[in-house]
Amino acid sequence: MGSFSGGEHGFILNALLIFGCGSKSGDYHDNMNHANYKKWLQEKLIPNLESKSVIVVDNASYHNVQLNQHPTSNARKGEILSW
């Protein structure tokens, strides 16, 4: 499966992402993760964008990652205090 990007003038050269899908259903969403997405953005998409470009993404879980996650109700007092 892969990700592609395009614009007014067609696909963005050198911005293709291809990886193997482990699911027989063909749904790649369980195989994609934030690390792969971030690497693709930094190494493939952004370097190949024209100036003044806009990136529009959907709400897939791997597009949004909370870096400083809040403690859960099961957290110990020390974890809550350090957060």
PDB file of N, CA and C in Angstrom:
ATOM      1  N   MET A   1       0.845  -1.172   0.000  1.00  0.00           N
ATOM      2  CA  MET A   1       0.000   0.000   0.000  1.00  0.00           C
ATOM      3  C   MET A   1       0.884   1.226   0.000  1.00  0.00           C
ATOM      4  N   GLY A   2       0.346   2.379  -0.282  1.00  0.00           N
ATOM      5  CA  GLY A   2       1.180   3.558  -0.303  1.00  0.00           C
ATOM      6  C   GLY A   2       0.398   4.843  -0.130  1.00  0.00           C
ATOM      7  N   SER A   3       1.142   5.908  -0.003  1.00  0.00           N
ATOM      8  CA  SER A   3       0.568   7.239   0.063  1.00  0.00           C
ATOM      9  C   SER A   3       1.081   8.026  -1.117  1.00  0.00           C
ATOM     10  N   PHE A   4       0.255   8.873  -1.623  1.00  0.00           N
ATOM     11  CA  PHE A   4       0.671   9.715  -2.728  1.00  0.00           C
ATOM     12  C   PHE A   4       0.158  11.119  -2.470  1.00  0.00           C
ATOM     13  N   SER A   5       0.722  12.044  -3.157  1.00  0.00           N
ATOM     14  CA  SER A   5       0.287  13.421  -3.011  1.00  0.00           C
ATOM     15  C   SER A   5       0.327  14.079  -4.374  1.00  0.00           C
ATOM     16  N   GLY A   6      -0.529  15.009  -4.537  1.00  0.00           N
ATOM     17  CA  GLY A   6      -0.597  15.685  -5.810  1.00  0.00           C
ATOM     18  C   GLY A   6      -1.190  17.060  -5.675  1.00  0.00           C
ATOM     19  N   GLY A   7      -1.160  17.743  -6.759  1.00  0.00           N
ATOM     20  CA  GLY A   7      -1.678  19.094  -6.751  1.00  0.00           C
ATOM     21  C   GLY A   7      -2.164  19.486  -8.120  1.00  0.00           C
ATOM     22  N   GLU A   8      -2.172  20.748  -8.358  1.00  0.00           N
ATOM     23  CA  GLU A   8      -2.678  21.329  -9.594  1.00  0.00           C
ATOM     24  C   GLU A   8      -1.957  20.786 -10.822  1.00  0.00           C
ATOM     25  N   HIS A   9      -0.684  20.450 -10.667  1.00  0.00           N
ATOM     26  CA  HIS A   9       0.131  20.003 -11.801  1.00  0.00           C
ATOM     27  C   HIS A   9       0.375  18.493 -11.806  1.00  0.00           C
ATOM     28  N   GLY A  10      -0.398  17.742 -11.025  1.00  0.00           N
ATOM     29  CA  GLY A  10      -0.240  16.295 -10.991  1.00  0.00           C
ATOM     30  C   GLY A  10       0.423  15.822  -9.709  1.00  0.00           C
ATOM     31  N   PHE A  11       0.943  14.607  -9.742  1.00  0.00           N
ATOM     32  CA  PHE A  11       1.581  14.033  -8.573  1.00  0.00           C
ATOM     33  C   PHE A  11       2.898  14.734  -8.274  1.00  0.00           C
ATOM     34  N   ILE A  12       3.267  14.756  -7.003  1.00  0.00           N
ATOM     35  CA  ILE A  12       4.529  15.362  -6.590  1.00  0.00           C
ATOM     36  C   ILE A  12       5.620  14.323  -6.785  1.00  0.00           C
ATOM     37  N   LEU A  13       6.593  14.648  -7.608  1.00  0.00           N
ATOM     38  CA  LEU A  13       7.676  13.723  -7.911  1.00  0.00           C
ATOM     39  C   LEU A  13       8.458  13.364  -6.652  1.00  0.00           C
ATOM     40  N   ASN A  14       8.862  12.112  -6.562  1.00  0.00           N
ATOM     41  CA  ASN A  14       9.693  11.586  -5.464  1.00  0.00           C
ATOM     42  C   ASN A  14       8.996  11.603  -4.107  1.00  0.00           C
ATOM     43  N   ALA A  15       7.663  11.722  -4.071  1.00  0.00           N
ATOM     44  CA  ALA A  15       6.948  11.756  -2.800  1.00  0.00           C
ATOM     45  C   ALA A  15       6.081  10.519  -2.591  1.00  0.00           C
ATOM     46  N   LEU A  16       6.360   9.464  -3.304  1.00  0.00           N
ATOM     47  CA  LEU A  16       5.583   8.238  -3.180  1.00  0.00           C
ATOM     48  C   LEU A  16       6.063   7.424  -1.989  1.00  0.00           C
ATOM     49  N   LEU A  17       5.144   6.865  -1.238  1.00  0.00           N
ATOM     50  CA  LEU A  17       5.469   5.974  -0.131  1.00  0.00           C
ATOM     51  C   LEU A  17       4.836   4.622  -0.418  1.00  0.00           C
ATOM     52  N   ILE A  18       5.647   3.589  -0.465  1.00  0.00           N
ATOM     53  CA  ILE A  18       5.154   2.236  -0.706  1.00  0.00           C
ATOM     54  C   ILE A  18       5.647   1.337   0.421  1.00  0.00           C
ATOM     55  N   PHE A  19       4.743   0.563   0.986  1.00  0.00           N
ATOM     56  CA  PHE A  19       5.139  -0.410   2.002  1.00  0.00           C
ATOM     57  C   PHE A  19       4.201  -1.598   1.928  1.00  0.00           C
ATOM     58  N   GLY A  20       4.659  -2.733   2.452  1.00  0.00           N
ATOM     59  CA  GLY A  20       3.865  -3.950   2.416  1.00  0.00           C
ATOM     60  C   GLY A  20       2.720  -3.907   3.405  1.00  0.00           C
ATOM     61  N   CYS A  21       1.607  -4.427   3.005  1.00  0.00           N
ATOM     62  CA  CYS A  21       0.420  -4.490   3.851  1.00  0.00           C
ATOM     63  C   CYS A  21       0.294  -5.914   4.384  1.00  0.00           C
ATOM     64  N   GLY A  22       0.243  -6.059   5.690  1.00  0.00           N
ATOM     65  CA  GLY A  22       0.150  -7.382   6.294  1.00  0.00           C
ATOM     66  C   GLY A  22      -1.261  -7.920   6.354  1.00  0.00           C
ATOM     67  N   SER A  23      -2.240  -7.152   5.937  1.00  0.00           N
ATOM     68  CA  SER A  23      -3.640  -7.552   6.026  1.00  0.00           C
ATOM     69  C   SER A  23      -4.129  -8.106   4.691  1.00  0.00           C
ATOM     70  N   LYS A  24      -4.831  -9.214   4.751  1.00  0.00           N
ATOM     71  CA  LYS A  24      -5.387  -9.794   3.521  1.00  0.00           C
ATOM     72  C   LYS A  24      -6.562  -8.979   3.000  1.00  0.00           C
ATOM     73  N   SER A  25      -7.143  -8.153   3.853  1.00  0.00           N
ATOM     74  CA  SER A  25      -8.291  -7.342   3.427  1.00  0.00           C
ATOM     75  C   SER A  25      -7.854  -6.186   2.541  1.00  0.00           C
ATOM     76  N   GLY A  26      -6.551  -5.877   2.562  1.00  0.00           N
ATOM     77  CA  GLY A  26      -6.057  -4.742   1.788  1.00  0.00           C
ATOM     78  C   GLY A  26      -6.135  -3.428   2.535  1.00  0.00           C
ATOM     79  N   ASP A  27      -6.654  -3.438   3.763  1.00  0.00           N
ATOM     80  CA  ASP A  27      -6.746  -2.219   4.558  1.00  0.00           C
ATOM     81  C   ASP A  27      -5.398  -1.989   5.242  1.00  0.00           C
ATOM     82  N   TYR A  28      -4.703  -0.950   4.818  1.00  0.00           N
ATOM     83  CA  TYR A  28      -3.357  -0.685   5.317  1.00  0.00           C
ATOM     84  C   TYR A  28      -3.347   0.105   6.621  1.00  0.00           C
ATOM     85  N   HIS A  29      -4.471   0.597   7.094  1.00  0.00           N
ATOM     86  CA  HIS A  29      -4.485   1.490   8.244  1.00  0.00           C
ATOM     87  C   HIS A  29      -3.896   0.864   9.505  1.00  0.00           C
ATOM     88  N   ASP A  30      -4.022  -0.442   9.669  1.00  0.00           N
ATOM     89  CA  ASP A  30      -3.437  -1.093  10.838  1.00  0.00           C
ATOM     90  C   ASP A  30      -1.927  -1.215  10.712  1.00  0.00           C
ATOM     91  N   ASN A  31      -1.385  -1.150   9.495  1.00  0.00           N
ATOM     92  CA  ASN A  31       0.050  -1.283   9.279  1.00  0.00           C
ATOM     93  C   ASN A  31       0.774   0.059   9.288  1.00  0.00           C
ATOM     94  N   MET A  32       0.079   1.119   9.016  1.00  0.00           N
ATOM     95  CA  MET A  32       0.686   2.437   8.988  1.00  0.00           C
ATOM     96  C   MET A  32       0.784   2.973  10.410  1.00  0.00           C
ATOM     97  N   ASN A  33       1.833   3.714  10.705  1.00  0.00           N
ATOM     98  CA  ASN A  33       1.979   4.308  12.025  1.00  0.00           C
ATOM     99  C   ASN A  33       2.566   5.708  11.909  1.00  0.00           C
ATOM    100  N   HIS A  34       2.628   6.397  13.026  1.00  0.00           N
ATOM    101  CA  HIS A  34       3.089   7.781  13.018  1.00  0.00           C
ATOM    102  C   HIS A  34       4.553   7.893  12.599  1.00  0.00           C
ATOM    103  N   ALA A  35       5.382   6.938  12.991  1.00  0.00           N
ATOM    104  CA  ALA A  35       6.802   6.990  12.621  1.00  0.00           C
ATOM    105  C   ALA A  35       6.974   6.942  11.102  1.00  0.00           C
ATOM    106  N   ASN A  36       6.249   6.043  10.424  1.00  0.00           N
ATOM    107  CA  ASN A  36       6.312   5.969   8.957  1.00  0.00           C
ATOM    108  C   ASN A  36       5.782   7.247   8.319  1.00  0.00           C
ATOM    109  N   TYR A  37       4.677   7.751   8.855  1.00  0.00           N
ATOM    110  CA  TYR A  37       4.073   8.965   8.317  1.00  0.00           C
ATOM    111  C   TYR A  37       5.008  10.164   8.476  1.00  0.00           C
ATOM    112  N   LYS A  38       5.593  10.313   9.660  1.00  0.00           N
ATOM    113  CA  LYS A  38       6.502  11.432   9.931  1.00  0.00           C
ATOM    114  C   LYS A  38       7.741  11.359   9.034  1.00  0.00           C
ATOM    115  N   LYS A  39       8.284  10.157   8.881  1.00  0.00           N
ATOM    116  CA  LYS A  39       9.457   9.976   8.014  1.00  0.00           C
ATOM    117  C   LYS A  39       9.125  10.356   6.567  1.00  0.00           C
ATOM    118  N   TRP A  40       7.950   9.929   6.095  1.00  0.00           N
ATOM    119  CA  TRP A  40       7.519  10.273   4.734  1.00  0.00           C
ATOM    120  C   TRP A  40       7.375  11.785   4.577  1.00  0.00           C
ATOM    121  N   LEU A  41       6.755  12.432   5.573  1.00  0.00           N
ATOM    122  CA  LEU A  41       6.610  13.883   5.512  1.00  0.00           C
ATOM    123  C   LEU A  41       7.966  14.580   5.417  1.00  0.00           C
ATOM    124  N   GLN A  42       8.867  14.200   6.320  1.00  0.00           N
ATOM    125  CA  GLN A  42      10.158  14.877   6.421  1.00  0.00           C
ATOM    126  C   GLN A  42      11.108  14.566   5.274  1.00  0.00           C
ATOM    127  N   GLU A  43      11.090  13.325   4.797  1.00  0.00           N
ATOM    128  CA  GLU A  43      12.085  12.914   3.803  1.00  0.00           C
ATOM    129  C   GLU A  43      11.577  12.930   2.363  1.00  0.00           C
ATOM    130  N   LYS A  44      10.280  12.775   2.172  1.00  0.00           N
ATOM    131  CA  LYS A  44       9.747  12.650   0.812  1.00  0.00           C
ATOM    132  C   LYS A  44       8.854  13.822   0.409  1.00  0.00           C
ATOM    133  N   LEU A  45       7.861  14.117   1.237  1.00  0.00           N
ATOM    134  CA  LEU A  45       6.878  15.111   0.818  1.00  0.00           C
ATOM    135  C   LEU A  45       7.400  16.543   0.922  1.00  0.00           C
ATOM    136  N   ILE A  46       7.759  16.968   2.101  1.00  0.00           N
ATOM    137  CA  ILE A  46       8.135  18.371   2.311  1.00  0.00           C
ATOM    138  C   ILE A  46       9.310  18.809   1.434  1.00  0.00           C
ATOM    139  N   PRO A  47      10.377  18.002   1.297  1.00  0.00           N
ATOM    140  CA  PRO A  47      11.471  18.452   0.429  1.00  0.00           C
ATOM    141  C   PRO A  47      11.081  18.611  -1.040  1.00  0.00           C
ATOM    142  N   ASN A  48      10.005  17.986  -1.460  1.00  0.00           N
ATOM    143  CA  ASN A  48       9.602  18.032  -2.865  1.00  0.00           C
ATOM    144  C   ASN A  48       8.423  18.965  -3.148  1.00  0.00           C
ATOM    145  N   LEU A  49       7.948  19.660  -2.136  1.00  0.00           N
ATOM    146  CA  LEU A  49       6.845  20.595  -2.329  1.00  0.00           C
ATOM    147  C   LEU A  49       7.336  21.906  -2.933  1.00  0.00           C
ATOM    148  N   GLU A  50       6.480  22.507  -3.724  1.00  0.00           N
ATOM    149  CA  GLU A  50       6.759  23.850  -4.212  1.00  0.00           C
ATOM    150  C   GLU A  50       6.546  24.826  -3.057  1.00  0.00           C
ATOM    151  N   SER A  51       7.163  25.999  -3.138  1.00  0.00           N
ATOM    152  CA  SER A  51       6.961  26.994  -2.088  1.00  0.00           C
ATOM    153  C   SER A  51       5.494  27.405  -2.040  1.00  0.00           C
ATOM    154  N   LYS A  52       5.071  27.825  -0.889  1.00  0.00           N
ATOM    155  CA  LYS A  52       3.689  28.254  -0.638  1.00  0.00           C
ATOM    156  C   LYS A  52       2.678  27.136  -0.871  1.00  0.00           C
ATOM    157  N   SER A  53       3.055  25.904  -0.556  1.00  0.00           N
ATOM    158  CA  SER A  53       2.142  24.767  -0.662  1.00  0.00           C
ATOM    159  C   SER A  53       1.350  24.612   0.630  1.00  0.00           C
ATOM    160  N   VAL A  54       0.243  23.927   0.545  1.00  0.00           N
ATOM    161  CA  VAL A  54      -0.606  23.632   1.694  1.00  0.00           C
ATOM    162  C   VAL A  54      -0.742  22.124   1.791  1.00  0.00           C
ATOM    163  N   ILE A  55      -0.612  21.588   2.993  1.00  0.00           N
ATOM    164  CA  ILE A  55      -0.793  20.154   3.227  1.00  0.00           C
ATOM    165  C   ILE A  55      -2.122  19.967   3.942  1.00  0.00           C
ATOM    166  N   VAL A  56      -2.981  19.122   3.385  1.00  0.00           N
ATOM    167  CA  VAL A  56      -4.276  18.824   3.979  1.00  0.00           C
ATOM    168  C   VAL A  56      -4.288  17.343   4.312  1.00  0.00           C
ATOM    169  N   VAL A  57      -4.573  17.008   5.561  1.00  0.00           N
ATOM    170  CA  VAL A  57      -4.601  15.601   5.979  1.00  0.00           C
ATOM    171  C   VAL A  57      -5.959  15.298   6.609  1.00  0.00           C
ATOM    172  N   ASP A  58      -6.304  14.018   6.604  1.00  0.00           N
ATOM    173  CA  ASP A  58      -7.544  13.618   7.267  1.00  0.00           C
ATOM    174  C   ASP A  58      -7.247  13.327   8.743  1.00  0.00           C
ATOM    175  N   ASN A  59      -8.167  12.715   9.419  1.00  0.00           N
ATOM    176  CA  ASN A  59      -8.020  12.496  10.855  1.00  0.00           C
ATOM    177  C   ASN A  59      -7.581  11.067  11.175  1.00  0.00           C
ATOM    178  N   ALA A  60      -6.785  10.451  10.309  1.00  0.00           N
ATOM    179  CA  ALA A  60      -6.278   9.108  10.595  1.00  0.00           C
ATOM    180  C   ALA A  60      -5.437   9.155  11.867  1.00  0.00           C
ATOM    181  N   SER A  61      -5.480   8.102  12.646  1.00  0.00           N
ATOM    182  CA  SER A  61      -4.795   8.095  13.942  1.00  0.00           C
ATOM    183  C   SER A  61      -3.299   8.352  13.811  1.00  0.00           C
ATOM    184  N   TYR A  62      -2.683   7.907  12.721  1.00  0.00           N
ATOM    185  CA  TYR A  62      -1.237   8.107  12.580  1.00  0.00           C
ATOM    186  C   TYR A  62      -0.880   9.525  12.150  1.00  0.00           C
ATOM    187  N   HIS A  63      -1.855  10.344  11.786  1.00  0.00           N
ATOM    188  CA  HIS A  63      -1.597  11.747  11.468  1.00  0.00           C
ATOM    189  C   HIS A  63      -1.499  12.596  12.732  1.00  0.00           C
ATOM    190  N   ASN A  64      -2.084  12.122  13.816  1.00  0.00           N
ATOM    191  CA  ASN A  64      -2.158  12.893  15.059  1.00  0.00           C
ATOM    192  C   ASN A  64      -1.630  12.062  16.222  1.00  0.00           C
ATOM    193  N   VAL A  65      -0.574  12.529  16.839  1.00  0.00           N
ATOM    194  CA  VAL A  65      -0.014  11.832  17.990  1.00  0.00           C
ATOM    195  C   VAL A  65       0.199  12.840  19.105  1.00  0.00           C
ATOM    196  N   GLN A  66      -0.286  12.515  20.286  1.00  0.00           N
ATOM    197  CA  GLN A  66      -0.086  13.380  21.439  1.00  0.00           C
ATOM    198  C   GLN A  66       1.236  12.997  22.074  1.00  0.00           C
ATOM    199  N   LEU A  67       2.194  13.919  22.085  1.00  0.00           N
ATOM    200  CA  LEU A  67       3.538  13.619  22.569  1.00  0.00           C
ATOM    201  C   LEU A  67       3.617  13.574  24.085  1.00  0.00           C
ATOM    202  N   ASN A  68       2.924  14.450  24.760  1.00  0.00           N
ATOM    203  CA  ASN A  68       2.974  14.504  26.221  1.00  0.00           C
ATOM    204  C   ASN A  68       1.626  14.063  26.762  1.00  0.00           C
ATOM    205  N   GLN A  69       1.375  12.762  26.722  1.00  0.00           N
ATOM    206  CA  GLN A  69       0.065  12.246  27.104  1.00  0.00           C
ATOM    207  C   GLN A  69      -0.173  12.413  28.597  1.00  0.00           C
ATOM    208  N   HIS A  70      -1.383  12.778  28.925  1.00  0.00           N
ATOM    209  CA  HIS A  70      -1.746  12.962  30.324  1.00  0.00           C
ATOM    210  C   HIS A  70      -1.844  11.615  31.033  1.00  0.00           C
ATOM    211  N   PRO A  71      -1.661  11.605  32.346  1.00  0.00           N
ATOM    212  CA  PRO A  71      -1.792  10.343  33.094  1.00  0.00           C
ATOM    213  C   PRO A  71      -3.228   9.828  33.063  1.00  0.00           C
ATOM    214  N   THR A  72      -3.361   8.537  33.122  1.00  0.00           N
ATOM    215  CA  THR A  72      -4.687   7.927  33.163  1.00  0.00           C
ATOM    216  C   THR A  72      -5.151   7.816  34.610  1.00  0.00           C
ATOM    217  N   SER A  73      -6.374   7.380  34.799  1.00  0.00           N
ATOM    218  CA  SER A  73      -6.894   7.224  36.162  1.00  0.00           C
ATOM    219  C   SER A  73      -6.173   6.106  36.908  1.00  0.00           C
ATOM    220  N   ASN A  74      -5.457   5.245  36.184  1.00  0.00           N
ATOM    221  CA  ASN A  74      -4.697   4.160  36.826  1.00  0.00           C
ATOM    222  C   ASN A  74      -3.270   4.576  37.181  1.00  0.00           C
ATOM    223  N   ALA A  75      -2.897   5.802  36.871  1.00  0.00           N
ATOM    224  CA  ALA A  75      -1.537   6.261  37.119  1.00  0.00           C
ATOM    225  C   ALA A  75      -1.263   6.395  38.612  1.00  0.00           C
ATOM    226  N   ARG A  76      -0.015   6.168  38.978  1.00  0.00           N
ATOM    227  CA  ARG A  76       0.395   6.354  40.366  1.00  0.00           C
ATOM    228  C   ARG A  76       0.616   7.838  40.637  1.00  0.00           C
ATOM    229  N   LYS A  77       0.605   8.186  41.912  1.00  0.00           N
ATOM    230  CA  LYS A  77       0.747   9.579  42.325  1.00  0.00           C
ATOM    231  C   LYS A  77       2.033  10.191  41.749  1.00  0.00           C
ATOM    232  N   GLY A  78       3.138   9.440  41.797  1.00  0.00           N
ATOM    233  CA  GLY A  78       4.420   9.938  41.292  1.00  0.00           C
ATOM    234  C   GLY A  78       4.358  10.280  39.808  1.00  0.00           C
ATOM    235  N   GLU A  79       3.663   9.444  39.037  1.00  0.00           N
ATOM    236  CA  GLU A  79       3.524   9.705  37.592  1.00  0.00           C
ATOM    237  C   GLU A  79       2.725  10.981  37.355  1.00  0.00           C
ATOM    238  N   ILE A  80       1.684  11.167  38.158  1.00  0.00           N
ATOM    239  CA  ILE A  80       0.853  12.360  38.007  1.00  0.00           C
ATOM    240  C   ILE A  80       1.647  13.606  38.381  1.00  0.00           C
ATOM    241  N   LEU A  81       2.400  13.528  39.469  1.00  0.00           N
ATOM    242  CA  LEU A  81       3.192  14.680  39.897  1.00  0.00           C
ATOM    243  C   LEU A  81       4.290  15.021  38.888  1.00  0.00           C
ATOM    244  N   SER A  82       4.912  14.017  38.305  1.00  0.00           N
ATOM    245  CA  SER A  82       5.985  14.288  37.343  1.00  0.00           C
ATOM    246  C   SER A  82       5.418  14.824  36.032  1.00  0.00           C
ATOM    247  N   TRP A  83       4.184  14.479  35.703  1.00  0.00           N
ATOM    248  CA  TRP A  83       3.559  14.987  34.495  1.00  0.00           C
ATOM    249  C   TRP A  83       3.301  16.461  34.641  1.00  0.00           C
TER     250      TRP A  83
END
